[in-house]
Amino acid sequence: MECKVKWTGEGMSFLAETGSNHVVVMDGALEAGGRNIAPRPMELLLAGTGGCSAYDVVLILRKGRQAVSGCEVYLQAQRADSDPRVFTRIHMHFRVSGKQLKKELVARAIKLSKEKYCSASIMLGKTAEITYDFEIIEAEGPLTRHPADTAQ
């Protein structure tokens, strides 16, 4: 995996070009010399953790033949008061929607992500206490499955 980060030359804005050829803008707060035009690097780290974990949960539920139709993760993080201002606590609240989702399978998918598959949360778990909870939202309409769910 590769990434190039380049200062834009203005304030505290940086452009990150990923190995998959995507560009992400990062910026600092006004009081730190930034222009507040983009997410902070630590916000992107937190967002990446949520994305990594949500990805795992959806994939695990699909493999378990669950009719998952949505997955949202709300993250709240606390950071150390002094440098390095690492994350010290992260709480993840999952809202998983679908038809007739089994509570024990949703719980298992989240636990597997946290303990085995999500590289981001496992890495952050070295400095932060990571907790989670979840709720299941029953989806309206007929039972539908993702095409990958029926592939053999």
Protein backbone atom coordinates (compact mmCIF):
# COMPACT_ATOMS: atom_id res chain seq x y z
CA MET A 1 0.00 0.00 0.00
CA GLU A 2 1.25 3.44 -0.88
CA CYS A 3 0.25 7.02 -0.28
CA LYS A 4 1.83 10.38 -1.08
CA VAL A 5 0.96 13.40 1.06
CA LYS A 6 1.88 16.86 -0.21
CA TRP A 7 1.48 20.24 1.44
CA THR A 8 -0.52 22.56 -0.82
CA GLY A 9 1.64 25.52 0.16
CA GLU A 10 -1.29 27.33 1.79
CA GLY A 11 -2.09 27.26 5.48
CA MET A 12 -2.07 23.70 6.76
CA SER A 13 -3.80 22.00 3.81
CA PHE A 14 -2.44 18.74 2.45
CA LEU A 15 -3.36 16.52 -0.48
CA ALA A 16 -3.04 12.77 -0.08
CA GLU A 17 -2.87 10.68 -3.24
CA THR A 18 -3.52 7.04 -2.50
CA GLY A 19 -2.03 4.03 -4.21
CA SER A 20 -5.45 3.41 -5.80
CA ASN A 21 -5.22 6.89 -7.41
CA HIS A 22 -7.73 8.73 -5.23
CA VAL A 23 -7.14 12.15 -3.74
CA VAL A 24 -8.14 13.25 -0.25
CA VAL A 25 -7.77 16.77 1.10
CA MET A 26 -6.85 17.32 4.76
CA ASP A 27 -6.67 20.60 6.63
CA GLY A 28 -6.06 22.01 10.08
CA ALA A 29 -8.23 24.08 12.36
CA LEU A 30 -8.12 27.86 12.08
CA GLU A 31 -6.32 28.16 15.43
CA ALA A 32 -3.59 25.83 14.12
CA GLY A 33 -2.97 27.76 10.93
CA GLY A 34 -5.43 25.85 8.76
CA ARG A 35 -8.37 27.16 6.78
CA ASN A 36 -10.87 24.54 8.03
CA ILE A 37 -11.69 23.46 4.45
CA ALA A 38 -11.36 19.69 4.90
CA PRO A 39 -11.29 16.95 7.55
CA ARG A 40 -8.40 16.74 9.99
CA PRO A 41 -6.04 13.77 9.58
CA MET A 42 -7.26 12.22 12.85
CA GLU A 43 -10.87 12.53 11.69
CA LEU A 44 -9.95 10.57 8.57
CA LEU A 45 -8.29 7.93 10.74
CA LEU A 46 -11.50 7.59 12.76
CA ALA A 47 -13.63 7.53 9.60
CA GLY A 48 -11.38 4.87 8.08
CA THR A 49 -11.85 2.74 11.18
CA GLY A 50 -15.61 3.02 10.88
CA GLY A 51 -15.46 2.19 7.18
CA CYS A 52 -13.20 -0.81 7.76
CA SER A 53 -15.46 -2.21 10.46
CA ALA A 54 -18.72 -1.55 8.57
CA TYR A 55 -17.23 -3.25 5.50
CA ASP A 56 -16.44 -6.34 7.58
CA VAL A 57 -19.88 -6.45 9.18
CA VAL A 58 -21.70 -6.27 5.83
CA LEU A 59 -19.40 -8.88 4.28
CA ILE A 60 -19.74 -11.29 7.22
CA LEU A 61 -23.53 -10.92 7.30
CA ARG A 62 -23.79 -11.49 3.55
CA LYS A 63 -21.63 -14.60 3.81
CA GLY A 64 -23.97 -15.75 6.57
CA ARG A 65 -26.86 -15.32 4.14
CA GLN A 66 -28.41 -12.51 6.12
CA ALA A 67 -30.55 -10.02 4.15
CA VAL A 68 -28.61 -6.94 5.25
CA SER A 69 -29.68 -3.73 3.52
CA GLY A 70 -27.81 -1.09 5.49
CA CYS A 71 -25.04 -0.54 7.99
CA GLU A 72 -24.13 2.72 9.68
CA VAL A 73 -21.49 3.23 12.34
CA TYR A 74 -21.45 6.26 14.63
CA LEU A 75 -18.07 6.73 16.26
CA GLN A 76 -17.20 8.84 19.28
CA ALA A 77 -13.56 9.15 20.25
CA GLN A 78 -11.56 10.66 23.07
CA ARG A 79 -7.93 11.65 22.72
CA ALA A 80 -5.08 12.05 25.15
CA ASP A 81 -4.72 15.55 26.63
CA SER A 82 -1.01 15.80 25.81
CA ASP A 83 1.19 14.86 22.86
CA PRO A 84 1.06 12.44 21.26
CA ARG A 85 -2.71 13.00 21.26
CA VAL A 86 -3.57 9.39 20.46
CA PHE A 87 -7.09 8.04 20.69
CA THR A 88 -7.67 6.69 24.19
CA ARG A 89 -11.31 5.61 23.89
CA ILE A 90 -13.49 4.88 20.87
CA HIS A 91 -17.12 3.86 21.03
CA MET A 92 -18.79 2.47 17.92
CA HIS A 93 -22.58 2.34 17.64
CA PHE A 94 -23.76 0.17 14.73
CA ARG A 95 -27.20 0.53 13.13
CA VAL A 96 -27.67 -2.54 10.98
CA SER A 97 -30.79 -2.83 8.86
CA GLY A 98 -32.26 -5.72 6.93
CA LYS A 99 -35.00 -8.30 6.85
CA GLN A 100 -35.21 -10.72 9.76
CA LEU A 101 -31.59 -10.23 10.81
CA LYS A 102 -30.58 -12.54 13.62
CA LYS A 103 -29.30 -10.63 16.64
CA GLU A 104 -26.65 -13.24 17.46
CA LEU A 105 -25.26 -13.12 13.89
CA VAL A 106 -25.05 -9.31 13.93
CA ALA A 107 -23.27 -9.45 17.31
CA ARG A 108 -20.90 -12.12 15.98
CA ALA A 109 -20.11 -10.09 12.83
CA ILE A 110 -19.24 -7.00 14.88
CA LYS A 111 -17.12 -9.01 17.30
CA LEU A 112 -15.24 -10.74 14.46
CA SER A 113 -14.53 -7.39 12.86
CA LYS A 114 -13.26 -5.93 16.13
CA GLU A 115 -11.14 -8.91 17.15
CA LYS A 116 -10.00 -10.49 13.88
CA TYR A 117 -10.60 -8.65 10.61
CA CYS A 118 -10.60 -4.84 10.94
CA SER A 119 -6.94 -3.89 10.76
CA ALA A 120 -7.71 -0.27 11.61
CA SER A 121 -9.61 -0.94 14.84
CA ILE A 122 -7.16 -3.64 15.91
CA MET A 123 -4.29 -1.21 15.40
CA LEU A 124 -6.06 1.61 17.25
CA GLY A 125 -6.95 -0.85 20.00
CA LYS A 126 -3.26 -0.77 20.99
CA THR A 127 -3.78 2.70 22.49
CA ALA A 128 -7.55 3.05 22.78
CA GLU A 129 -10.22 1.15 24.62
CA ILE A 130 -12.72 0.27 21.90
CA THR A 131 -16.31 -0.49 22.84
CA TYR A 132 -19.38 -1.04 20.72
CA ASP A 133 -23.08 -1.60 20.78
CA PHE A 134 -25.64 -2.09 18.05
CA GLU A 135 -29.24 -1.90 17.09
CA ILE A 136 -31.08 -3.76 14.36
CA ILE A 137 -33.56 -1.92 12.16
CA GLU A 138 -36.16 -4.08 10.44
CA ALA A 139 -36.28 -3.10 6.77
CA GLU A 140 -39.58 -2.50 5.02
CA GLY A 141 -40.66 -4.30 1.86
CA PRO A 142 -39.99 -7.73 0.40
CA LEU A 143 -37.03 -9.86 1.37
CA THR A 144 -34.21 -9.18 -1.12
CA ARG A 145 -30.68 -10.44 -1.25
CA HIS A 146 -27.54 -9.00 -2.74
CA PRO A 147 -26.42 -10.84 -5.95
CA ALA A 148 -23.23 -11.95 -4.17
CA ASP A 149 -25.39 -13.70 -1.56
CA THR A 150 -26.69 -16.18 -4.12
CA ALA A 151 -23.37 -16.86 -5.88
CA GLN A 152 -21.91 -20.25 -5.14
